[in-house]
Amino acid sequence: MAQLWGGRFTKETDKLVYNFNASISFDQKFYEQDIRGSKAHVAMLARQGILTAEEKDQIEAGLDGILADVRSGKLEITSEYEDIHSFVEANLIDRIGDAGKKLHTGRSRNDQVALDMKLYVRDEIDETDELVKKLLEALQKIMEENVHTYMPGFTHLQKAQPVTLAHHVGAYFEMFVRDRSRLADIRKRMNTCPLGAGALAGTTYPLDREYTAQLLGFDGPTRNSMDSVSDRDYVIELLSAFSTIMMHMSRFCEEIIMWNSNEYRFVEIDDAYSTGSSIMPQKKNPDIAELVRGKTGRVYGALTSILTTMKGIPLAYNKDMQEDKELTFDAIDTVKGCLALFTGMISTMQFNKQNMEASAKNGFTNATDAADYLVNHGVPFRDAHGIVGRLVLTCIDKGISLDELPLEEYKAISPVFENDIYEAISMKTCVEKRMTIGAPGPDVMEKVIAENKKYLEEN
């Protein structure tokens, strides 16, 4: 068993204990980050005169060879090594001899793994951000094409007032913009370099931590060595942001699942993102939407796990912190996969515009506008509210919408109504007269869409 800490111990670790302690099965994901960090560390050591130029060149060439061989599959990362750091160092020594033993000068596995995790998380934030941006571009396209697609807006899952599909989808656009801003905040806050913190108290070697940080694209070094090796706030923040992204997708998936039902028939999901039933030939199941909704709990679980792990850990590093990886890796893969599939699903989904508009009419979503009509003709709002309530009861009794109720029926309940009531409660009028910023009126929606376009071009 390849171990970096064997000198202190006289008895070989029991195989079961070794396997329980080892992290190579999951931290092998770090091999690129580990080698990147090691190359920066070696460059700094040589600059400080701790290594010779020849030793630096030997080590860098050895590390480059390991990286190339792992990428090509020529070199396999196996379980004989305890962790990725042991794997890299042992293979380096095998390849270049004693110079490889100097790689670990001035650092500990504690600051090394803290660096690897930060580098990995930073890379994954950038990739996730790109996926969220692609999702925003898909939402933007739907908005641009559906400024005049009328549909019911809901509160309490009850049809409330008419909106447009562009307005409805625009709500999700705002959510995912906030998600991107959270990812950017996390990236900025976490962008300090822990390498050089040592096990917890720094080192006596004259390291240039600012130079190491610069080489690795950090804003600077961490300022407290104990915090450097025991900080997992950025993992917690990442999983919190991921949980929010999943929650937003899950909300939209819940609506798509309902819209796909026979009762709504608002959408037609592309065959590539749905399945049939093994026994019922008429069914088309929204599987991708359901799976995204289901996997949301999986990401929540990762967040709860790391919060629970960290809540009782004293300074500085403790082995418990090894638990920050597996669930985080799983959450990253889950979120990225869900973003890609969700974007593909909504990009190929067809909207049944006639069904959407008919649903808005049959749901009496224009009832508030009928009340506003009366108010504009001098009727107190409270009285108007009661009058329209009676109109709705009449329509329900007759099985028709307010648009279809004859004028004499209107006048029987209130003589104030005239023929212009039909224009006042048309879907077009109901939507277009809502012109304050944030409302579904076409003019303000076009302004929002233009602002969205500018945001996507600049960010």
Protein backbone atom coordinates (compact mmCIF):
# COMPACT_ATOMS: atom_id res chain seq x y z
CA MET A 1 0.00 0.00 0.00
CA ALA A 2 1.48 3.36 -1.08
CA GLN A 3 1.35 5.69 1.94
CA LEU A 4 2.94 9.06 2.62
CA TRP A 5 2.91 8.70 6.40
CA GLY A 6 4.38 5.23 7.10
CA GLY A 7 7.47 6.23 9.06
CA ARG A 8 5.67 6.77 12.38
CA PHE A 9 3.90 3.40 12.30
CA THR A 10 5.31 -0.09 12.97
CA LYS A 11 2.18 -2.13 12.28
CA GLU A 12 0.62 -2.39 8.86
CA THR A 13 -2.84 -0.95 8.62
CA ASP A 14 -5.60 -3.54 8.52
CA LYS A 15 -6.99 -3.85 4.97
CA LEU A 16 -10.53 -2.99 6.06
CA VAL A 17 -9.29 0.07 7.96
CA TYR A 18 -7.14 1.07 4.98
CA ASN A 19 -10.06 0.86 2.57
CA PHE A 20 -12.31 2.79 4.96
CA ASN A 21 -9.67 5.51 5.28
CA ALA A 22 -8.69 5.67 1.60
CA SER A 23 -10.16 8.26 -0.76
CA ILE A 24 -8.60 7.22 -4.08
CA SER A 25 -11.91 5.78 -5.33
CA PHE A 26 -13.38 9.29 -5.54
CA ASP A 27 -10.58 11.86 -5.23
CA GLN A 28 -9.00 10.50 -8.41
CA LYS A 29 -11.27 13.09 -10.06
CA PHE A 30 -8.67 15.58 -8.83
CA TYR A 31 -5.74 14.27 -10.84
CA GLU A 32 -5.60 17.28 -13.18
CA GLN A 33 -6.07 19.77 -10.35
CA ASP A 34 -3.51 17.96 -8.18
CA ILE A 35 -0.88 18.07 -10.92
CA ARG A 36 -1.71 21.71 -11.73
CA GLY A 37 -1.23 22.63 -8.08
CA SER A 38 2.00 20.64 -7.82
CA LYS A 39 3.49 22.37 -10.87
CA ALA A 40 2.72 25.78 -9.40
CA HIS A 41 4.20 24.72 -6.05
CA VAL A 42 7.40 23.48 -7.71
CA ALA A 43 7.74 26.68 -9.77
CA MET A 44 7.47 28.69 -6.56
CA LEU A 45 9.98 26.48 -4.72
CA ALA A 46 12.52 26.95 -7.52
CA ARG A 47 11.93 30.71 -7.60
CA GLN A 48 12.63 30.81 -3.87
CA GLY A 49 15.83 28.78 -4.24
CA ILE A 50 14.40 25.81 -2.33
CA LEU A 51 14.74 23.64 -5.45
CA THR A 52 17.31 23.93 -8.21
CA ALA A 53 16.29 24.78 -11.75
CA GLU A 54 17.28 21.26 -12.79
CA GLU A 55 15.10 19.69 -10.09
CA LYS A 56 12.21 21.92 -11.12
CA ASP A 57 12.54 20.88 -14.77
CA GLN A 58 12.76 17.18 -13.83
CA ILE A 59 9.68 17.34 -11.61
CA GLU A 60 7.63 19.34 -14.12
CA ALA A 61 8.52 16.94 -16.93
CA GLY A 62 7.59 14.01 -14.72
CA LEU A 63 4.28 15.56 -13.77
CA ASP A 64 3.49 16.36 -17.40
CA GLY A 65 4.22 12.74 -18.32
CA ILE A 66 1.90 11.43 -15.60
CA LEU A 67 -0.86 13.79 -16.74
CA ALA A 68 -0.52 12.75 -20.37
CA ASP A 69 -0.46 9.04 -19.51
CA VAL A 70 -3.56 9.25 -17.27
CA ARG A 71 -5.44 11.22 -19.92
CA SER A 72 -4.54 8.68 -22.61
CA GLY A 73 -5.35 5.68 -20.41
CA LYS A 74 -1.76 4.44 -20.47
CA LEU A 75 -1.50 4.97 -16.70
CA GLU A 76 -4.37 3.76 -14.52
CA ILE A 77 -5.23 5.19 -11.12
CA THR A 78 -5.62 2.11 -8.92
CA SER A 79 -6.73 1.37 -5.36
CA GLU A 80 -3.20 0.44 -4.24
CA TYR A 81 -2.78 4.15 -3.54
CA GLU A 82 -4.50 5.77 -0.57
CA ASP A 83 -5.35 9.00 -2.36
CA ILE A 84 -4.63 10.95 -5.53
CA HIS A 85 -1.69 12.76 -3.87
CA SER A 86 -0.01 9.42 -3.07
CA PHE A 87 -0.62 8.24 -6.63
CA VAL A 88 0.98 11.29 -8.23
CA GLU A 89 3.96 11.42 -5.87
CA ALA A 90 4.69 7.69 -5.97
CA ASN A 91 4.58 7.61 -9.77
CA LEU A 92 6.74 10.72 -9.96
CA ILE A 93 9.42 9.12 -7.75
CA ASP A 94 9.28 5.95 -9.86
CA ARG A 95 9.89 7.99 -12.98
CA ILE A 96 12.49 10.57 -11.93
CA GLY A 97 13.99 9.22 -8.70
CA ASP A 98 15.07 11.28 -5.70
CA ALA A 99 14.06 14.63 -7.21
CA GLY A 100 10.45 13.46 -7.00
CA LYS A 101 10.78 13.15 -3.23
CA LYS A 102 11.24 16.93 -3.02
CA LEU A 103 7.80 17.65 -4.50
CA HIS A 104 6.16 17.72 -1.08
CA THR A 105 8.59 20.25 0.41
CA GLY A 106 6.78 23.02 2.28
CA ARG A 107 3.26 21.62 2.03
CA SER A 108 0.95 19.10 3.68
CA ARG A 109 -1.75 16.86 2.34
CA ASN A 110 -4.12 19.12 4.26
CA ASP A 111 -3.40 22.26 2.24
CA GLN A 112 -2.95 20.13 -0.88
CA VAL A 113 -6.42 18.61 -0.72
CA ALA A 114 -7.89 22.00 0.20
CA LEU A 115 -6.29 23.40 -2.96
CA ASP A 116 -7.45 20.50 -5.15
CA MET A 117 -11.03 20.86 -3.95
CA LYS A 118 -11.01 24.60 -4.55
CA LEU A 119 -9.57 24.22 -8.04
CA TYR A 120 -12.10 21.52 -8.87
CA VAL A 121 -15.06 23.48 -7.51
CA ARG A 122 -13.93 26.61 -9.33
CA ASP A 123 -13.72 24.71 -12.62
CA GLU A 124 -17.17 23.20 -12.05
CA ILE A 125 -18.71 26.58 -11.21
CA ASP A 126 -17.53 27.87 -14.59
CA GLU A 127 -18.99 24.85 -16.42
CA THR A 128 -22.28 25.05 -14.52
CA ASP A 129 -22.56 28.77 -15.24
CA GLU A 130 -22.25 28.06 -18.96
CA LEU A 131 -25.06 25.50 -18.73
CA VAL A 132 -27.31 27.95 -16.89
CA LYS A 133 -26.58 30.55 -19.57
CA LYS A 134 -27.60 28.08 -22.29
CA LEU A 135 -30.83 27.48 -20.39
CA LEU A 136 -31.43 31.25 -20.24
CA GLU A 137 -30.89 31.46 -24.00
CA ALA A 138 -33.53 28.75 -24.50
CA LEU A 139 -35.96 30.63 -22.23
CA GLN A 140 -35.24 33.87 -24.06
CA LYS A 141 -36.17 32.25 -27.39
CA ILE A 142 -39.51 31.06 -25.97
CA MET A 143 -40.18 34.56 -24.65
CA GLU A 144 -39.37 36.22 -27.97
CA GLU A 145 -41.80 33.93 -29.80
CA ASN A 146 -44.70 34.14 -27.33
CA VAL A 147 -45.33 37.76 -26.39
CA HIS A 148 -48.91 37.35 -27.65
CA THR A 149 -49.52 33.76 -26.52
CA TYR A 150 -52.29 34.11 -23.93
CA MET A 151 -52.61 31.70 -21.03
CA PRO A 152 -54.00 31.62 -17.50
CA GLY A 153 -51.87 32.89 -14.66
CA PHE A 154 -52.36 30.97 -11.41
CA THR A 155 -52.38 31.54 -7.70
CA HIS A 156 -53.10 28.61 -5.34
CA LEU A 157 -53.24 26.48 -8.52
CA GLN A 158 -56.45 28.37 -9.35
CA LYS A 159 -56.77 30.29 -12.59
CA ALA A 160 -56.40 33.92 -11.60
CA GLN A 161 -55.68 36.45 -14.37
CA PRO A 162 -54.61 36.20 -18.00
CA VAL A 163 -50.90 36.46 -18.77
CA THR A 164 -48.73 35.44 -21.70
CA LEU A 165 -46.37 32.53 -22.09
CA ALA A 166 -43.54 35.04 -22.47
CA HIS A 167 -44.46 36.58 -19.11
CA HIS A 168 -44.74 33.18 -17.40
CA VAL A 169 -41.41 31.93 -18.77
CA GLY A 170 -39.89 35.31 -17.91
CA ALA A 171 -40.40 34.54 -14.23
CA TYR A 172 -38.06 31.57 -14.60
CA PHE A 173 -35.60 33.71 -16.55
CA GLU A 174 -35.33 35.96 -13.48
CA MET A 175 -34.77 32.94 -11.21
CA PHE A 176 -31.92 31.56 -13.29
CA VAL A 177 -30.30 35.01 -13.60
CA ARG A 178 -30.20 35.08 -9.80
CA ASP A 179 -28.69 31.57 -9.86
CA ARG A 180 -25.86 32.79 -12.07
CA SER A 181 -25.22 35.73 -9.75
CA ARG A 182 -24.99 33.33 -6.80
CA LEU A 183 -22.43 31.19 -8.64
CA ALA A 184 -20.40 34.32 -9.45
CA ASP A 185 -20.53 35.40 -5.79
CA ILE A 186 -19.30 32.01 -4.60
CA ARG A 187 -16.49 31.96 -7.16
CA LYS A 188 -15.29 35.40 -6.11
CA ARG A 189 -15.48 34.70 -2.38
CA MET A 190 -13.69 31.33 -2.58
CA ASN A 191 -10.90 32.54 -4.88
CA THR A 192 -8.05 32.53 -2.37
CA CYS A 193 -5.24 29.99 -2.41
CA PRO A 194 -4.71 27.66 0.60
CA LEU A 195 -1.46 26.15 -0.66
CA GLY A 196 1.39 26.94 1.71
CA ALA A 197 -0.78 26.77 4.82
CA GLY A 198 0.84 23.43 5.63
CA ALA A 199 -0.91 21.07 8.01
CA LEU A 200 -2.35 24.02 9.96
CA ALA A 201 0.49 26.33 11.04
CA GLY A 202 2.37 27.23 7.89
CA THR A 203 5.98 26.23 7.31
CA THR A 204 9.50 27.39 8.09
CA TYR A 205 10.41 27.37 4.39
CA PRO A 206 10.50 30.84 2.77
CA LEU A 207 7.48 30.25 0.52
CA ASP A 208 6.07 32.95 -1.73
CA ARG A 209 2.38 32.25 -1.34
CA GLU A 210 1.39 35.29 -3.39
CA TYR A 211 3.30 33.89 -6.37
CA THR A 212 1.70 30.45 -6.01
CA ALA A 213 -1.74 32.07 -5.86
CA GLN A 214 -0.98 34.11 -8.96
CA LEU A 215 0.17 31.05 -10.93
CA LEU A 216 -3.10 29.24 -10.10
CA GLY A 217 -5.40 32.17 -10.94
CA PHE A 218 -6.35 33.06 -7.38
CA ASP A 219 -6.81 36.62 -6.14
CA GLY A 220 -4.28 35.98 -3.37
CA PRO A 221 -3.38 33.56 -0.58
CA THR A 222 -5.67 32.65 2.31
CA ARG A 223 -4.94 34.71 5.42
CA ASN A 224 -5.17 32.14 8.21
CA SER A 225 -3.52 28.74 7.89
CA MET A 226 -5.93 27.01 10.30
CA ASP A 227 -8.94 28.27 8.37
CA SER A 228 -7.21 27.45 5.09
CA VAL A 229 -7.20 23.71 5.69
CA SER A 230 -10.55 23.46 7.48
CA ASP A 231 -12.73 25.82 5.42
CA ARG A 232 -15.52 24.11 3.50
CA ASP A 233 -17.84 27.12 3.40
CA TYR A 234 -17.49 27.33 -0.37
CA VAL A 235 -18.68 23.71 -0.71
CA ILE A 236 -21.71 24.48 1.45
CA GLU A 237 -22.41 27.63 -0.56
CA LEU A 238 -22.04 25.73 -3.83
CA LEU A 239 -24.46 23.00 -2.73
CA SER A 240 -26.87 25.65 -1.48
CA ALA A 241 -26.75 27.41 -4.86
CA PHE A 242 -27.13 24.05 -6.61
CA SER A 243 -30.13 23.24 -4.44
CA THR A 244 -31.73 26.52 -5.49
CA ILE A 245 -31.02 25.83 -9.17
CA MET A 246 -32.62 22.40 -8.80
CA MET A 247 -35.59 23.90 -6.95
CA HIS A 248 -36.16 26.34 -9.81
CA MET A 249 -35.97 23.58 -12.42
CA SER A 250 -38.23 21.38 -10.30
CA ARG A 251 -40.90 24.08 -10.10
CA PHE A 252 -40.90 24.45 -13.87
CA CYS A 253 -40.91 20.66 -14.29
CA GLU A 254 -43.97 20.43 -12.03
CA GLU A 255 -45.77 22.85 -14.34
CA ILE A 256 -44.63 21.04 -17.48
CA ILE A 257 -45.91 17.77 -16.01
CA MET A 258 -49.30 19.37 -15.41
CA TRP A 259 -49.32 21.11 -18.79
CA ASN A 260 -48.60 17.76 -20.43
CA SER A 261 -51.64 16.13 -18.81
CA ASN A 262 -54.87 15.41 -20.68
CA GLU A 263 -56.66 18.02 -18.58
CA TYR A 264 -54.38 20.86 -19.74
CA ARG A 265 -52.78 19.81 -23.04
CA PHE A 266 -50.72 23.01 -23.07
CA VAL A 267 -47.55 21.32 -24.30
CA GLU A 268 -46.35 18.53 -26.50
CA ILE A 269 -43.06 17.13 -25.21
CA ASP A 270 -40.67 15.89 -27.88
CA ASP A 271 -40.43 12.10 -28.17
CA ALA A 272 -36.75 12.25 -27.22
CA TYR A 273 -37.68 13.57 -23.76
CA SER A 274 -40.66 11.36 -22.97
CA THR A 275 -41.58 7.67 -22.88
CA GLY A 276 -44.64 5.51 -23.33
CA SER A 277 -46.31 3.05 -21.03
CA SER A 278 -45.52 -0.67 -21.17
CA ILE A 279 -49.24 -1.46 -20.92
CA MET A 280 -51.21 1.67 -21.88
CA PRO A 281 -50.54 2.60 -25.53
CA GLN A 282 -52.15 6.06 -25.32
CA LYS A 283 -49.73 7.47 -22.76
CA LYS A 284 -46.80 9.83 -23.26
CA ASN A 285 -44.99 10.25 -19.98
CA PRO A 286 -42.91 13.36 -19.10
CA ASP A 287 -40.05 11.26 -17.73
CA ILE A 288 -37.26 13.85 -17.95
CA ALA A 289 -39.35 16.45 -16.13
CA GLU A 290 -40.20 13.89 -13.45
CA LEU A 291 -36.58 12.80 -13.05
CA VAL A 292 -35.35 16.38 -12.67
CA ARG A 293 -38.05 16.92 -10.06
CA GLY A 294 -37.00 13.72 -8.30
CA LYS A 295 -33.26 14.40 -8.39
CA THR A 296 -33.78 17.71 -6.63
CA GLY A 297 -34.00 15.83 -3.32
CA ARG A 298 -30.70 14.15 -4.10
CA VAL A 299 -28.93 17.51 -4.28
CA TYR A 300 -30.69 18.73 -1.13
CA GLY A 301 -29.31 15.60 0.57
CA ALA A 302 -25.74 16.55 -0.34
CA LEU A 303 -26.21 19.99 1.20
CA THR A 304 -27.71 18.56 4.38
CA SER A 305 -24.89 16.02 4.60
CA ILE A 306 -22.02 18.53 4.47
CA LEU A 307 -23.78 20.90 6.88
CA THR A 308 -24.17 18.02 9.31
CA THR A 309 -20.57 16.90 8.83
CA MET A 310 -19.13 20.36 9.48
CA LYS A 311 -21.29 21.44 12.40
CA GLY A 312 -19.19 19.80 15.16
CA ILE A 313 -15.66 19.86 13.76
CA PRO A 314 -13.05 21.70 15.86
CA LEU A 315 -10.09 23.44 14.25
CA ALA A 316 -8.22 22.54 12.20
CA TYR A 317 -8.35 19.63 9.73
CA ASN A 318 -10.21 16.45 10.70
CA LYS A 319 -10.73 13.32 8.61
CA ASP A 320 -14.50 13.94 8.67
CA MET A 321 -13.86 16.54 5.98
CA GLN A 322 -13.14 13.77 3.50
CA GLU A 323 -16.94 13.46 3.39
CA ASP A 324 -17.12 16.75 1.49
CA LYS A 325 -16.25 15.05 -1.78
CA GLU A 326 -18.39 12.11 -2.88
CA LEU A 327 -21.76 13.81 -2.41
CA THR A 328 -20.44 17.06 -3.85
CA PHE A 329 -19.17 15.26 -6.93
CA ASP A 330 -22.53 13.52 -7.28
CA ALA A 331 -24.41 16.80 -6.87
CA ILE A 332 -22.23 18.49 -9.51
CA ASP A 333 -22.85 15.66 -11.99
CA THR A 334 -26.57 15.67 -11.17
CA VAL A 335 -27.03 19.43 -11.60
CA LYS A 336 -25.03 19.59 -14.82
CA GLY A 337 -26.90 16.61 -16.27
CA CYS A 338 -30.28 18.02 -15.28
CA LEU A 339 -29.46 21.45 -16.73
CA ALA A 340 -28.46 19.95 -20.07
CA LEU A 341 -31.52 17.69 -20.30
CA PHE A 342 -33.95 20.32 -19.07
CA THR A 343 -32.64 22.81 -21.64
CA GLY A 344 -33.03 20.23 -24.39
CA MET A 345 -36.56 19.41 -23.26
CA ILE A 346 -37.86 22.98 -23.21
CA SER A 347 -36.06 23.83 -26.46
CA THR A 348 -37.93 21.08 -28.33
CA MET A 349 -41.28 21.39 -26.56
CA GLN A 350 -44.28 22.52 -28.62
CA PHE A 351 -46.87 24.85 -27.07
CA ASN A 352 -50.58 24.42 -27.83
CA LYS A 353 -51.46 28.12 -27.99
CA GLN A 354 -55.18 27.65 -28.67
CA ASN A 355 -55.59 25.40 -25.63
CA MET A 356 -53.76 27.92 -23.47
CA GLU A 357 -56.01 30.80 -24.52
CA ALA A 358 -59.18 28.71 -24.20
CA SER A 359 -58.13 27.70 -20.70
CA ALA A 360 -57.69 31.35 -19.72
CA LYS A 361 -61.18 32.21 -20.98
CA ASN A 362 -62.90 29.22 -19.41
CA GLY A 363 -61.20 29.89 -16.10
CA PHE A 364 -62.78 33.36 -15.77
CA THR A 365 -59.33 34.93 -15.61
CA ASN A 366 -60.90 38.12 -16.99
CA ALA A 367 -63.30 38.47 -14.04
CA THR A 368 -61.14 41.17 -12.42
CA ASP A 369 -61.27 43.13 -15.66
CA ALA A 370 -65.06 42.89 -15.69
CA ALA A 371 -65.05 44.36 -12.19
CA ASP A 372 -62.66 47.12 -13.32
CA TYR A 373 -65.11 47.90 -16.16
CA LEU A 374 -67.84 48.57 -13.61
CA VAL A 375 -65.52 50.68 -11.44
CA ASN A 376 -64.63 52.78 -14.48
CA HIS A 377 -68.37 53.37 -14.89
CA GLY A 378 -68.81 54.65 -11.34
CA VAL A 379 -69.67 51.44 -9.46
CA PRO A 380 -67.81 51.06 -6.11
CA PHE A 381 -65.30 48.24 -6.28
CA ARG A 382 -66.88 46.23 -3.47
CA ASP A 383 -70.24 46.31 -5.29
CA ALA A 384 -68.53 45.50 -8.61
CA HIS A 385 -66.84 42.50 -6.98
CA GLY A 386 -70.22 41.11 -5.92
CA ILE A 387 -71.83 41.75 -9.32
CA VAL A 388 -69.08 39.91 -11.20
CA GLY A 389 -69.27 37.06 -8.70
CA ARG A 390 -72.93 36.62 -9.65
CA LEU A 391 -72.00 36.76 -13.34
CA VAL A 392 -69.47 33.97 -12.82
CA LEU A 393 -72.10 31.84 -11.07
CA THR A 394 -74.43 32.38 -14.03
CA CYS A 395 -71.70 31.32 -16.48
CA ILE A 396 -70.86 28.22 -14.43
CA ASP A 397 -74.55 27.29 -14.40
CA LYS A 398 -74.75 27.67 -18.19
CA GLY A 399 -71.33 26.11 -18.87
CA ILE A 400 -70.00 29.14 -20.76
CA SER A 401 -67.31 31.81 -20.31
CA LEU A 402 -67.81 35.52 -19.60
CA ASP A 403 -66.95 36.20 -23.25
CA GLU A 404 -69.92 34.04 -24.32
CA LEU A 405 -72.54 35.41 -21.89
CA PRO A 406 -75.23 37.42 -23.79
CA LEU A 407 -75.46 41.16 -23.08
CA GLU A 408 -79.01 40.82 -21.71
CA GLU A 409 -77.68 38.47 -19.05
CA TYR A 410 -75.09 41.10 -18.10
CA LYS A 411 -77.75 43.81 -17.94
CA ALA A 412 -80.06 41.61 -15.88
CA ILE A 413 -77.44 41.66 -13.13
CA SER A 414 -76.25 45.27 -13.69
CA PRO A 415 -77.69 47.79 -16.19
CA VAL A 416 -74.29 49.53 -16.29
CA PHE A 417 -72.97 46.95 -18.75
CA GLU A 418 -72.97 47.86 -22.42
CA ASN A 419 -71.73 46.14 -25.56
CA ASP A 420 -68.17 47.38 -25.00
CA ILE A 421 -67.85 44.92 -22.10
CA TYR A 422 -66.74 42.24 -24.57
CA GLU A 423 -63.77 44.27 -25.75
CA ALA A 424 -62.92 45.18 -22.15
CA ILE A 425 -62.70 41.52 -21.10
CA SER A 426 -61.02 40.11 -24.22
CA MET A 427 -57.74 38.35 -23.56
CA LYS A 428 -55.98 40.89 -25.77
CA THR A 429 -57.31 43.87 -23.81
CA CYS A 430 -56.80 42.21 -20.43
CA VAL A 431 -53.13 41.64 -21.18
CA GLU A 432 -52.27 44.71 -23.23
CA LYS A 433 -53.56 47.26 -20.74
CA ARG A 434 -51.22 45.93 -18.07
CA MET A 435 -48.29 48.15 -18.98
CA THR A 436 -46.31 48.71 -15.79
CA ILE A 437 -42.79 47.28 -15.78
CA GLY A 438 -42.95 43.63 -14.79
CA ALA A 439 -46.47 43.14 -16.18
CA PRO A 440 -47.37 41.00 -19.22
CA GLY A 441 -48.28 43.85 -21.61
CA PRO A 442 -46.48 43.42 -24.95
CA ASP A 443 -44.67 46.78 -24.92
CA VAL A 444 -43.11 46.25 -21.50
CA MET A 445 -42.41 42.60 -22.29
CA GLU A 446 -40.51 43.69 -25.39
CA LYS A 447 -38.42 46.01 -23.21
CA VAL A 448 -37.67 43.17 -20.79
CA ILE A 449 -36.75 40.86 -23.67
CA ALA A 450 -34.36 43.52 -25.02
CA GLU A 451 -32.77 43.85 -21.58
CA ASN A 452 -32.46 40.07 -21.37
CA LYS A 453 -30.73 40.01 -24.75
CA LYS A 454 -28.25 42.65 -23.60
CA TYR A 455 -27.59 40.71 -20.37
CA LEU A 456 -26.87 37.52 -22.31
CA GLU A 457 -24.51 39.33 -24.66
CA GLU A 458 -22.57 40.97 -21.82
CA ASN A 459 -22.46 38.14 -19.26
